[in-house]
Amino acid sequence: MTTRITKILLVWMVALFALLVVFNNLTDYNSNYQFVSHVLSMDTTFPGNQGMWRAITTPAFHHAAYALIILSEAVVAVLCLRGGLLLFQARGDAAQFNRAKGGAVLGLAAGVVLWFTGFITIGGEWFLMWQSHIWNGQDSAFRFVVILGVVLIFVNQEDR
């Protein structure tokens, strides 16, 4: 039972993290909007790099991309909240608990997709965020992906 409760709590802690990220992005919109804007504009990458044709400098697109990020973070939060609730409701029986893992797995996987694909892959490699000393979120995104990945592996371990 201790392992099941731990899995539930970790899924809910991921939900809390995602909720706080959404809260911060909404209540201090401009701070992280600036991050998205600079990454997409590629205005702090190495001077003269050959990838500048990828830059997107349209503010409307920056706002749309930022809104998509916030929406994705909210989806992660909701899926993990619901997934944790389903696990909590099934905590008394190992077989039911194993069957109830789908929602939590979906939420955790959505978080990995968001921070790995969105920040490390698209932001880091396509928009060359790794070249910026100021607007580089790859280290943070990597931490999130590792934490989510570890929780995902732990939750997926079969309960008996």
N, C-alpha and C. Protein backbone atom coordinates (compact mmCIF):
# COMPACT_ATOMS: atom_id res chain seq x y z
N MET A 1 0.83 -1.20 0.00
CA MET A 1 0.00 0.00 0.00
C MET A 1 0.87 1.26 0.00
N THR A 2 2.00 1.23 0.67
CA THR A 2 2.88 2.40 0.73
C THR A 2 3.35 2.80 -0.66
N THR A 3 3.68 1.81 -1.46
CA THR A 3 4.13 2.11 -2.82
C THR A 3 3.02 2.74 -3.64
N ARG A 4 1.81 2.24 -3.49
CA ARG A 4 0.68 2.82 -4.24
C ARG A 4 0.42 4.26 -3.82
N ILE A 5 0.44 4.51 -2.52
CA ILE A 5 0.23 5.89 -2.03
C ILE A 5 1.34 6.80 -2.54
N THR A 6 2.56 6.29 -2.57
CA THR A 6 3.68 7.09 -3.08
C THR A 6 3.48 7.43 -4.55
N LYS A 7 3.02 6.48 -5.32
CA LYS A 7 2.76 6.73 -6.74
C LYS A 7 1.67 7.79 -6.91
N ILE A 8 0.63 7.68 -6.13
CA ILE A 8 -0.46 8.66 -6.19
C ILE A 8 0.07 10.06 -5.85
N LEU A 9 0.82 10.15 -4.77
CA LEU A 9 1.35 11.44 -4.35
C LEU A 9 2.28 12.04 -5.40
N LEU A 10 3.12 11.22 -6.01
CA LEU A 10 4.03 11.75 -7.04
C LEU A 10 3.26 12.25 -8.25
N VAL A 11 2.23 11.54 -8.65
CA VAL A 11 1.41 12.01 -9.77
C VAL A 11 0.75 13.34 -9.40
N TRP A 12 0.24 13.44 -8.19
CA TRP A 12 -0.37 14.71 -7.75
C TRP A 12 0.66 15.83 -7.61
N MET A 13 1.88 15.50 -7.26
CA MET A 13 2.92 16.54 -7.17
C MET A 13 3.27 17.07 -8.56
N VAL A 14 3.24 16.20 -9.55
CA VAL A 14 3.43 16.66 -10.93
C VAL A 14 2.27 17.58 -11.32
N ALA A 15 1.06 17.21 -10.93
CA ALA A 15 -0.10 18.06 -11.20
C ALA A 15 0.07 19.42 -10.52
N LEU A 16 0.52 19.42 -9.28
CA LEU A 16 0.74 20.68 -8.57
C LEU A 16 1.79 21.52 -9.28
N PHE A 17 2.87 20.89 -9.69
CA PHE A 17 3.91 21.60 -10.42
C PHE A 17 3.34 22.25 -11.67
N ALA A 18 2.60 21.46 -12.47
CA ALA A 18 2.04 22.00 -13.71
C ALA A 18 1.04 23.12 -13.43
N LEU A 19 0.24 22.97 -12.37
CA LEU A 19 -0.70 24.03 -12.00
C LEU A 19 0.03 25.32 -11.63
N LEU A 20 1.12 25.19 -10.89
CA LEU A 20 1.90 26.38 -10.52
C LEU A 20 2.54 27.03 -11.73
N VAL A 21 2.99 26.22 -12.68
CA VAL A 21 3.55 26.77 -13.92
C VAL A 21 2.48 27.56 -14.67
N VAL A 22 1.29 26.99 -14.78
CA VAL A 22 0.18 27.68 -15.45
C VAL A 22 -0.15 28.97 -14.69
N PHE A 23 -0.26 28.88 -13.37
CA PHE A 23 -0.56 30.05 -12.54
C PHE A 23 0.47 31.15 -12.78
N ASN A 24 1.75 30.79 -12.74
CA ASN A 24 2.80 31.80 -12.94
C ASN A 24 2.75 32.39 -14.34
N ASN A 25 2.48 31.55 -15.34
CA ASN A 25 2.42 32.06 -16.71
C ASN A 25 1.24 33.00 -16.92
N LEU A 26 0.15 32.77 -16.19
CA LEU A 26 -1.01 33.64 -16.33
C LEU A 26 -0.90 34.91 -15.49
N THR A 27 -0.34 34.80 -14.30
CA THR A 27 -0.27 35.96 -13.41
C THR A 27 0.95 36.84 -13.68
N ASP A 28 1.95 36.29 -14.34
CA ASP A 28 3.12 37.08 -14.76
C ASP A 28 3.36 36.79 -16.23
N TYR A 29 2.34 37.06 -17.01
CA TYR A 29 2.32 36.70 -18.43
C TYR A 29 3.55 37.21 -19.17
N ASN A 30 3.92 38.45 -18.93
CA ASN A 30 4.97 39.08 -19.73
C ASN A 30 6.34 38.43 -19.54
N SER A 31 6.66 37.98 -18.35
CA SER A 31 8.00 37.41 -18.12
C SER A 31 8.26 36.23 -19.05
N ASN A 32 7.36 35.26 -19.04
CA ASN A 32 7.58 34.09 -19.89
C ASN A 32 7.19 34.35 -21.34
N TYR A 33 6.33 35.33 -21.58
CA TYR A 33 6.07 35.72 -22.96
C TYR A 33 7.37 36.23 -23.59
N GLN A 34 8.13 37.01 -22.84
CA GLN A 34 9.42 37.50 -23.35
C GLN A 34 10.34 36.34 -23.72
N PHE A 35 10.34 35.31 -22.89
CA PHE A 35 11.14 34.12 -23.17
C PHE A 35 10.73 33.52 -24.52
N VAL A 36 9.43 33.27 -24.69
CA VAL A 36 8.93 32.68 -25.93
C VAL A 36 9.25 33.58 -27.11
N SER A 37 9.03 34.87 -26.95
CA SER A 37 9.27 35.83 -28.02
C SER A 37 10.74 35.83 -28.47
N HIS A 38 11.65 35.86 -27.51
CA HIS A 38 13.08 35.88 -27.85
C HIS A 38 13.54 34.57 -28.47
N VAL A 39 13.03 33.44 -27.96
CA VAL A 39 13.42 32.15 -28.54
C VAL A 39 12.94 32.07 -29.99
N LEU A 40 11.67 32.40 -30.23
CA LEU A 40 11.13 32.32 -31.59
C LEU A 40 11.78 33.34 -32.53
N SER A 41 12.12 34.51 -32.01
CA SER A 41 12.78 35.54 -32.82
C SER A 41 14.25 35.23 -33.07
N MET A 42 14.82 34.36 -32.23
CA MET A 42 16.22 33.96 -32.35
C MET A 42 17.16 35.16 -32.28
N ASP A 43 16.76 36.17 -31.52
CA ASP A 43 17.54 37.42 -31.50
C ASP A 43 18.72 37.40 -30.54
N THR A 44 18.90 36.31 -29.82
CA THR A 44 20.08 36.21 -28.94
C THR A 44 20.92 34.97 -29.28
N THR A 45 20.72 34.43 -30.48
CA THR A 45 21.56 33.32 -30.93
C THR A 45 22.88 33.89 -31.45
N PHE A 46 23.80 33.02 -31.83
CA PHE A 46 25.10 33.47 -32.31
C PHE A 46 24.94 34.39 -33.51
N PRO A 47 25.65 35.51 -33.52
CA PRO A 47 25.58 36.42 -34.67
C PRO A 47 26.00 35.71 -35.96
N GLY A 48 25.25 35.93 -37.01
CA GLY A 48 25.60 35.40 -38.31
C GLY A 48 25.36 33.91 -38.48
N ASN A 49 24.62 33.28 -37.56
CA ASN A 49 24.38 31.84 -37.74
C ASN A 49 23.50 31.61 -38.96
N GLN A 50 23.64 30.45 -39.55
CA GLN A 50 22.96 30.14 -40.80
C GLN A 50 21.51 29.68 -40.61
N GLY A 51 21.05 29.63 -39.36
CA GLY A 51 19.68 29.18 -39.10
C GLY A 51 18.68 30.29 -38.91
N MET A 52 19.09 31.53 -39.11
CA MET A 52 18.21 32.66 -38.84
C MET A 52 16.97 32.69 -39.74
N TRP A 53 16.96 31.97 -40.83
CA TRP A 53 15.78 31.92 -41.69
C TRP A 53 14.60 31.29 -40.96
N ARG A 54 14.89 30.56 -39.87
CA ARG A 54 13.83 29.91 -39.09
C ARG A 54 13.12 30.88 -38.14
N ALA A 55 13.71 32.03 -37.89
CA ALA A 55 13.18 32.98 -36.90
C ALA A 55 11.76 33.41 -37.26
N ILE A 56 10.93 33.50 -36.22
CA ILE A 56 9.56 34.00 -36.37
C ILE A 56 9.47 35.26 -35.50
N THR A 57 9.24 36.38 -36.15
CA THR A 57 9.25 37.66 -35.42
C THR A 57 7.87 38.29 -35.28
N THR A 58 6.85 37.57 -35.64
CA THR A 58 5.48 38.10 -35.58
C THR A 58 4.93 37.96 -34.15
N PRO A 59 4.65 39.07 -33.46
CA PRO A 59 4.14 38.98 -32.09
C PRO A 59 2.86 38.15 -31.96
N ALA A 60 1.98 38.21 -32.94
CA ALA A 60 0.75 37.41 -32.85
C ALA A 60 1.08 35.92 -32.79
N PHE A 61 2.08 35.50 -33.54
CA PHE A 61 2.50 34.10 -33.50
C PHE A 61 3.12 33.77 -32.14
N HIS A 62 3.87 34.71 -31.58
CA HIS A 62 4.47 34.51 -30.25
C HIS A 62 3.38 34.30 -29.20
N HIS A 63 2.35 35.13 -29.25
CA HIS A 63 1.24 34.99 -28.30
C HIS A 63 0.52 33.65 -28.50
N ALA A 64 0.32 33.28 -29.75
CA ALA A 64 -0.35 32.00 -30.04
C ALA A 64 0.48 30.82 -29.54
N ALA A 65 1.77 30.86 -29.76
CA ALA A 65 2.65 29.78 -29.29
C ALA A 65 2.65 29.72 -27.76
N TYR A 66 2.68 30.87 -27.13
CA TYR A 66 2.67 30.93 -25.66
C TYR A 66 1.33 30.40 -25.12
N ALA A 67 0.25 30.76 -25.77
CA ALA A 67 -1.07 30.25 -25.36
C ALA A 67 -1.12 28.73 -25.49
N LEU A 68 -0.54 28.19 -26.54
CA LEU A 68 -0.49 26.73 -26.73
C LEU A 68 0.33 26.06 -25.64
N ILE A 69 1.42 26.70 -25.25
CA ILE A 69 2.25 26.17 -24.16
C ILE A 69 1.46 26.15 -22.86
N ILE A 70 0.80 27.26 -22.54
CA ILE A 70 0.02 27.35 -21.30
C ILE A 70 -1.11 26.32 -21.32
N LEU A 71 -1.79 26.19 -22.44
CA LEU A 71 -2.86 25.20 -22.56
C LEU A 71 -2.31 23.79 -22.36
N SER A 72 -1.18 23.50 -22.94
CA SER A 72 -0.56 22.18 -22.78
C SER A 72 -0.19 21.91 -21.33
N GLU A 73 0.33 22.91 -20.65
CA GLU A 73 0.67 22.76 -19.23
C GLU A 73 -0.59 22.49 -18.41
N ALA A 74 -1.69 23.17 -18.76
CA ALA A 74 -2.95 22.96 -18.05
C ALA A 74 -3.48 21.55 -18.30
N VAL A 75 -3.32 21.06 -19.51
CA VAL A 75 -3.74 19.68 -19.82
C VAL A 75 -2.94 18.69 -18.98
N VAL A 76 -1.64 18.90 -18.87
CA VAL A 76 -0.81 18.03 -18.03
C VAL A 76 -1.34 18.04 -16.60
N ALA A 77 -1.63 19.22 -16.08
CA ALA A 77 -2.13 19.34 -14.70
C ALA A 77 -3.45 18.59 -14.53
N VAL A 78 -4.39 18.81 -15.42
CA VAL A 78 -5.70 18.17 -15.30
C VAL A 78 -5.59 16.65 -15.43
N LEU A 79 -4.81 16.20 -16.40
CA LEU A 79 -4.66 14.75 -16.59
C LEU A 79 -4.01 14.10 -15.36
N CYS A 80 -3.02 14.77 -14.78
CA CYS A 80 -2.36 14.21 -13.60
C CYS A 80 -3.27 14.28 -12.37
N LEU A 81 -4.04 15.34 -12.23
CA LEU A 81 -5.01 15.40 -11.12
C LEU A 81 -6.02 14.27 -11.23
N ARG A 82 -6.57 14.12 -12.42
CA ARG A 82 -7.56 13.05 -12.65
C ARG A 82 -6.92 11.68 -12.53
N GLY A 83 -5.72 11.52 -13.10
CA GLY A 83 -5.03 10.24 -13.03
C GLY A 83 -4.73 9.85 -11.59
N GLY A 84 -4.29 10.82 -10.78
CA GLY A 84 -4.05 10.55 -9.37
C GLY A 84 -5.33 10.19 -8.63
N LEU A 85 -6.43 10.85 -8.98
CA LEU A 85 -7.72 10.53 -8.35
C LEU A 85 -8.16 9.10 -8.68
N LEU A 86 -8.01 8.71 -9.94
CA LEU A 86 -8.36 7.35 -10.33
C LEU A 86 -7.49 6.32 -9.59
N LEU A 87 -6.22 6.63 -9.44
CA LEU A 87 -5.33 5.74 -8.69
C LEU A 87 -5.75 5.68 -7.21
N PHE A 88 -6.10 6.83 -6.67
CA PHE A 88 -6.51 6.88 -5.26
C PHE A 88 -7.76 6.03 -5.04
N GLN A 89 -8.70 6.13 -5.96
CA GLN A 89 -9.94 5.36 -5.83
C GLN A 89 -9.70 3.86 -5.95
N ALA A 90 -8.66 3.47 -6.64
CA ALA A 90 -8.37 2.04 -6.86
C ALA A 90 -7.26 1.51 -5.97
N ARG A 91 -6.82 2.30 -5.00
CA ARG A 91 -5.63 1.96 -4.21
C ARG A 91 -5.74 0.67 -3.41
N GLY A 92 -6.95 0.22 -3.08
CA GLY A 92 -7.12 -0.95 -2.23
C GLY A 92 -6.88 -2.28 -2.91
N ASP A 93 -6.90 -2.31 -4.23
CA ASP A 93 -6.77 -3.57 -4.95
C ASP A 93 -5.70 -3.42 -6.03
N ALA A 94 -4.69 -4.28 -6.00
CA ALA A 94 -3.56 -4.18 -6.93
C ALA A 94 -4.00 -4.27 -8.38
N ALA A 95 -4.89 -5.20 -8.70
CA ALA A 95 -5.33 -5.36 -10.08
C ALA A 95 -6.08 -4.11 -10.57
N GLN A 96 -6.96 -3.58 -9.73
CA GLN A 96 -7.68 -2.35 -10.10
C GLN A 96 -6.71 -1.18 -10.21
N PHE A 97 -5.76 -1.11 -9.32
CA PHE A 97 -4.76 -0.04 -9.33
C PHE A 97 -3.98 -0.08 -10.65
N ASN A 98 -3.56 -1.27 -11.06
CA ASN A 98 -2.83 -1.39 -12.32
C ASN A 98 -3.68 -0.95 -13.50
N ARG A 99 -4.95 -1.30 -13.49
CA ARG A 99 -5.85 -0.90 -14.58
C ARG A 99 -6.13 0.60 -14.58
N ALA A 100 -6.01 1.23 -13.42
CA ALA A 100 -6.33 2.66 -13.28
C ALA A 100 -5.17 3.58 -13.66
N LYS A 101 -4.05 3.03 -14.03
CA LYS A 101 -2.85 3.85 -14.28
C LYS A 101 -2.90 4.67 -15.57
N GLY A 102 -3.81 4.35 -16.46
CA GLY A 102 -3.84 5.00 -17.78
C GLY A 102 -3.89 6.51 -17.74
N GLY A 103 -4.73 7.07 -16.88
CA GLY A 103 -4.85 8.52 -16.80
C GLY A 103 -3.58 9.19 -16.33
N ALA A 104 -2.96 8.60 -15.32
CA ALA A 104 -1.70 9.15 -14.80
C ALA A 104 -0.60 9.05 -15.85
N VAL A 105 -0.54 7.90 -16.51
CA VAL A 105 0.46 7.70 -17.56
C VAL A 105 0.27 8.72 -18.68
N LEU A 106 -0.97 8.96 -19.06
CA LEU A 106 -1.25 9.93 -20.11
C LEU A 106 -0.80 11.34 -19.70
N GLY A 107 -1.10 11.74 -18.47
CA GLY A 107 -0.67 13.05 -18.00
C GLY A 107 0.83 13.20 -17.94
N LEU A 108 1.50 12.19 -17.40
CA LEU A 108 2.96 12.23 -17.30
C LEU A 108 3.59 12.25 -18.69
N ALA A 109 3.06 11.42 -19.60
CA ALA A 109 3.59 11.38 -20.96
C ALA A 109 3.35 12.72 -21.68
N ALA A 110 2.21 13.34 -21.43
CA ALA A 110 1.93 14.65 -22.03
C ALA A 110 2.96 15.68 -21.56
N GLY A 111 3.35 15.59 -20.29
CA GLY A 111 4.38 16.49 -19.78
C GLY A 111 5.73 16.25 -20.44
N VAL A 112 6.08 14.99 -20.62
CA VAL A 112 7.34 14.67 -21.30
C VAL A 112 7.30 15.21 -22.73
N VAL A 113 6.18 15.00 -23.41
CA VAL A 113 6.05 15.50 -24.79
C VAL A 113 6.19 17.02 -24.81
N LEU A 114 5.52 17.70 -23.91
CA LEU A 114 5.58 19.17 -23.87
C LEU A 114 7.01 19.66 -23.67
N TRP A 115 7.65 19.21 -22.59
CA TRP A 115 8.95 19.78 -22.27
C TRP A 115 10.08 19.21 -23.11
N PHE A 116 9.96 17.97 -23.57
CA PHE A 116 11.01 17.43 -24.44
C PHE A 116 10.83 17.94 -25.87
N THR A 117 9.63 17.75 -26.41
CA THR A 117 9.40 18.16 -27.80
C THR A 117 9.35 19.67 -27.94
N GLY A 118 8.59 20.32 -27.05
CA GLY A 118 8.41 21.76 -27.17
C GLY A 118 9.65 22.58 -26.86
N PHE A 119 10.31 22.24 -25.76
CA PHE A 119 11.42 23.08 -25.32
C PHE A 119 12.79 22.55 -25.76
N ILE A 120 13.04 21.27 -25.57
CA ILE A 120 14.36 20.75 -25.92
C ILE A 120 14.49 20.59 -27.44
N THR A 121 13.47 20.02 -28.08
CA THR A 121 13.56 19.74 -29.51
C THR A 121 13.28 20.98 -30.36
N ILE A 122 12.07 21.53 -30.23
CA ILE A 122 11.71 22.66 -31.09
C ILE A 122 12.45 23.93 -30.67
N GLY A 123 12.32 24.29 -29.39
CA GLY A 123 13.01 25.50 -28.93
C GLY A 123 14.52 25.37 -28.99
N GLY A 124 15.02 24.26 -28.48
CA GLY A 124 16.47 24.08 -28.37
C GLY A 124 17.16 23.87 -29.70
N GLU A 125 16.60 23.01 -30.53
CA GLU A 125 17.28 22.66 -31.78
C GLU A 125 16.76 23.44 -32.99
N TRP A 126 15.44 23.54 -33.14
CA TRP A 126 14.94 24.25 -34.32
C TRP A 126 15.20 25.75 -34.22
N PHE A 127 14.90 26.33 -33.05
CA PHE A 127 15.11 27.76 -32.88
C PHE A 127 16.46 28.07 -32.22
N LEU A 128 17.31 27.08 -32.11
CA LEU A 128 18.70 27.23 -31.65
C LEU A 128 18.82 27.91 -30.29
N MET A 129 17.86 27.60 -29.41
CA MET A 129 17.87 28.19 -28.08
C MET A 129 19.18 27.91 -27.35
N TRP A 130 19.82 26.80 -27.67
CA TRP A 130 21.07 26.43 -27.01
C TRP A 130 22.16 27.47 -27.23
N GLN A 131 22.02 28.29 -28.27
CA GLN A 131 23.03 29.32 -28.54
C GLN A 131 22.86 30.56 -27.67
N SER A 132 21.74 30.69 -27.01
CA SER A 132 21.47 31.90 -26.22
C SER A 132 21.94 31.73 -24.78
N HIS A 133 22.68 32.69 -24.31
CA HIS A 133 23.10 32.69 -22.90
C HIS A 133 22.01 33.28 -22.01
N ILE A 134 21.08 34.02 -22.60
CA ILE A 134 20.05 34.71 -21.83
C ILE A 134 18.74 33.93 -21.83
N TRP A 135 18.27 33.51 -22.99
CA TRP A 135 16.95 32.89 -23.13
C TRP A 135 17.11 31.41 -23.48
N ASN A 136 17.68 30.66 -22.56
CA ASN A 136 17.92 29.24 -22.78
C ASN A 136 17.25 28.45 -21.66
N GLY A 137 16.18 27.75 -22.00
CA GLY A 137 15.44 26.98 -21.01
C GLY A 137 15.69 25.49 -21.09
N GLN A 138 16.74 25.08 -21.79
CA GLN A 138 16.97 23.65 -21.97
C GLN A 138 17.29 22.93 -20.67
N ASP A 139 18.08 23.54 -19.80
CA ASP A 139 18.41 22.87 -18.53
C ASP A 139 17.15 22.64 -17.69
N SER A 140 16.30 23.63 -17.61
CA SER A 140 15.05 23.48 -16.86
C SER A 140 14.17 22.42 -17.50
N ALA A 141 14.04 22.47 -18.80
CA ALA A 141 13.20 21.49 -19.50
C ALA A 141 13.75 20.08 -19.29
N PHE A 142 15.06 19.94 -19.32
CA PHE A 142 15.68 18.63 -19.10
C PHE A 142 15.34 18.11 -17.71
N ARG A 143 15.43 18.98 -16.70
CA ARG A 143 15.06 18.57 -15.34
C ARG A 143 13.62 18.09 -15.27
N PHE A 144 12.72 18.82 -15.93
CA PHE A 144 11.31 18.43 -15.93
C PHE A 144 11.12 17.07 -16.60
N VAL A 145 11.77 16.88 -17.74
CA VAL A 145 11.64 15.62 -18.48
C VAL A 145 12.16 14.45 -17.64
N VAL A 146 13.29 14.65 -16.98
CA VAL A 146 13.85 13.58 -16.15
C VAL A 146 12.91 13.25 -14.98
N ILE A 147 12.42 14.27 -14.30
CA ILE A 147 11.51 14.04 -13.18
C ILE A 147 10.25 13.31 -13.66
N LEU A 148 9.66 13.81 -14.73
CA LEU A 148 8.45 13.18 -15.26
C LEU A 148 8.74 11.75 -15.72
N GLY A 149 9.88 11.56 -16.35
CA GLY A 149 10.24 10.23 -16.82
C GLY A 149 10.43 9.24 -15.68
N VAL A 150 11.08 9.68 -14.61
CA VAL A 150 11.28 8.81 -13.45
C VAL A 150 9.93 8.46 -12.82
N VAL A 151 9.07 9.45 -12.65
CA VAL A 151 7.75 9.19 -12.09
C VAL A 151 6.97 8.26 -13.01
N LEU A 152 7.06 8.47 -14.31
CA LEU A 152 6.36 7.62 -15.28
C LEU A 152 6.83 6.16 -15.16
N ILE A 153 8.12 5.95 -15.06
CA ILE A 153 8.66 4.59 -14.91
C ILE A 153 8.18 3.98 -13.60
N PHE A 154 8.24 4.75 -12.52
CA PHE A 154 7.82 4.24 -11.21
C PHE A 154 6.34 3.87 -11.20
N VAL A 155 5.51 4.76 -11.74
CA VAL A 155 4.06 4.50 -11.78
C VAL A 155 3.77 3.25 -12.61
N ASN A 156 4.52 3.07 -13.68
CA ASN A 156 4.28 1.93 -14.57
C ASN A 156 4.74 0.59 -14.01
N GLN A 157 5.52 0.60 -12.95
CA GLN A 157 5.89 -0.68 -12.35
C GLN A 157 4.64 -1.37 -11.84
N GLU A 158 4.55 -2.64 -12.12
CA GLU A 158 3.36 -3.41 -11.74
C GLU A 158 3.21 -3.48 -10.22
N ASP A 159 1.99 -3.29 -9.79
CA ASP A 159 1.67 -3.40 -8.37
C ASP A 159 1.08 -4.78 -8.10
N ARG A 160 1.49 -5.37 -6.96
CA ARG A 160 1.00 -6.71 -6.60
C ARG A 160 0.34 -6.68 -5.25
